[in-house]
C-alpha cells in the first residue's frame, strides 16, 4: 500500500481530493473534510462509501479508514451525506453552510 492514500469526497457542491496516511482514523478524515468545507454542526453528517460487497455503508469514526472493507480501487470514494435530519431545521441549524450541505 502506498505511504499516502488518495481519497475523493463528494459533497453537494463539489468533489474534494485528500491524501491520508494508512493509519488515519475515520474521525480524522471526517474532521478534515468538515474543516475544509466550513461545517461546524458536524453531528448532522457522516461519510458514506460502497464497501467491497457493493453495500452502502457509513464510515466508522473510531476505526482506521483502511480497515473498513473499502473497495480495492484508488482513489477511495466517499460521499459527505446527512445522517441526522433535525425535526425543525430553522430552529436547530445555525450555519448557512449546514443548510447548503444538506441539499
Protein backbone atom coordinates (compact mmCIF):
# COMPACT_ATOMS: atom_id res chain seq x y z
CA UNK A 1 0.00 0.00 0.00
CA UNK A 2 1.32 3.49 -0.78
CA UNK A 3 2.56 5.75 2.01
CA UNK A 4 -0.32 8.13 1.32
CA UNK A 5 -3.74 7.01 0.17
CA UNK A 6 -5.75 9.22 -2.16
CA UNK A 7 -9.42 9.70 -1.36
CA UNK A 8 -12.15 11.68 -3.11
CA UNK A 9 -15.10 13.06 -1.17
CA UNK A 10 -18.24 14.17 -2.98
CA UNK A 11 -20.27 16.96 -1.42
CA UNK A 12 -23.36 18.69 -2.76
CA UNK A 13 -21.20 21.37 -4.34
CA UNK A 14 -18.01 19.63 -5.47
CA UNK A 15 -15.56 16.75 -5.26
CA UNK A 16 -12.66 17.18 -2.83
CA UNK A 17 -9.39 15.27 -3.03
CA UNK A 18 -7.35 14.38 0.04
CA UNK A 19 -4.25 12.32 0.75
CA UNK A 20 -4.37 10.41 4.04
CA UNK A 21 -1.91 8.25 5.93
CA UNK A 22 -2.56 4.49 6.22
CA UNK A 23 -3.22 4.87 9.97
CA UNK A 24 -5.79 7.69 9.59
CA UNK A 25 -8.94 7.21 11.65
CA UNK A 26 -12.36 7.83 10.14
CA UNK A 27 -12.83 10.74 12.56
CA UNK A 28 -9.62 12.40 11.38
CA UNK A 29 -10.72 12.26 7.73
CA UNK A 30 -14.22 13.46 8.64
CA UNK A 31 -12.82 16.37 10.70
CA UNK A 32 -10.52 17.37 7.83
CA UNK A 33 -13.48 17.45 5.43
CA UNK A 34 -15.66 19.44 7.83
CA UNK A 35 -12.83 21.94 8.34
CA UNK A 36 -12.27 22.26 4.58
CA UNK A 37 -15.91 23.00 3.77
CA UNK A 38 -16.53 25.03 6.93
CA UNK A 39 -19.17 22.87 8.62
CA UNK A 40 -19.24 23.24 12.40
CA UNK A 41 -22.53 21.42 13.02
CA UNK A 42 -20.86 18.11 12.29
CA UNK A 43 -23.32 15.91 14.20
CA UNK A 44 -25.76 16.01 11.25
CA UNK A 45 -23.31 14.41 8.80
CA UNK A 46 -21.31 11.31 8.03
CA UNK A 47 -19.28 9.74 5.24
CA UNK A 48 -20.84 7.04 3.10
CA UNK A 49 -19.00 4.61 0.86
CA UNK A 50 -19.70 1.48 -1.17
CA UNK A 51 -17.97 -1.46 0.53
CA UNK A 52 -16.19 -4.35 -1.18
CA UNK A 53 -19.51 -6.26 -1.37
CA UNK A 54 -21.34 -3.38 -3.06
CA UNK A 55 -23.27 -2.34 0.05
CA UNK A 56 -23.60 1.33 1.03
CA UNK A 57 -22.04 1.81 4.48
CA UNK A 58 -21.21 4.61 6.89
CA UNK A 59 -17.56 5.20 7.69
CA UNK A 60 -16.94 4.31 11.34
CA UNK A 61 -15.19 7.17 13.07
CA UNK A 62 -13.30 5.08 15.63
CA UNK A 63 -11.66 2.73 13.10
CA UNK A 64 -8.82 3.27 10.67
CA UNK A 65 -10.13 4.14 7.23
CA UNK A 66 -8.12 1.36 5.58
CA UNK A 67 -9.70 -1.28 7.87
CA UNK A 68 -13.29 -0.61 6.77
CA UNK A 69 -13.98 -3.06 3.90
CA UNK A 70 -13.39 -0.46 1.21
CA UNK A 71 -13.25 -1.40 -2.45
CA UNK A 72 -9.74 -2.16 -3.66
CA UNK A 73 -9.62 0.70 -6.16
CA UNK A 74 -7.97 4.09 -5.71
CA UNK A 75 -8.82 6.78 -5.02
CA UNK A 76 -11.25 5.64 -2.36
CA UNK A 77 -14.56 7.45 -2.84
CA UNK A 78 -16.78 8.81 -0.08
CA UNK A 79 -19.94 10.89 -0.03
CA UNK A 80 -20.47 13.59 2.58
CA UNK A 81 -24.10 12.94 3.50
CA UNK A 82 -26.72 13.89 6.04
CA UNK A 83 -27.05 11.25 8.76
CA UNK A 84 -29.49 13.05 11.05
CA UNK A 85 -32.37 15.26 9.95
CA UNK A 86 -33.48 17.73 12.62
CA UNK A 87 -37.22 17.98 13.14
CA UNK A 88 -37.22 21.77 12.88
CA UNK A 89 -34.39 22.89 10.60
CA UNK A 90 -34.98 26.61 11.18
CA UNK A 91 -34.68 26.13 14.94
CA UNK A 92 -31.79 23.64 15.10
CA UNK A 93 -29.49 24.65 12.24
CA UNK A 94 -27.41 27.73 12.89
CA UNK A 95 -24.93 27.88 9.98
CA UNK A 96 -25.96 28.56 6.39
CA UNK A 97 -23.22 26.17 5.18
CA UNK A 98 -25.01 23.35 7.00
CA UNK A 99 -28.20 24.06 5.08
CA UNK A 100 -26.35 24.05 1.76
CA UNK A 101 -24.60 20.76 2.61
CA UNK A 102 -27.94 19.11 3.38
CA UNK A 103 -29.44 19.70 -0.06
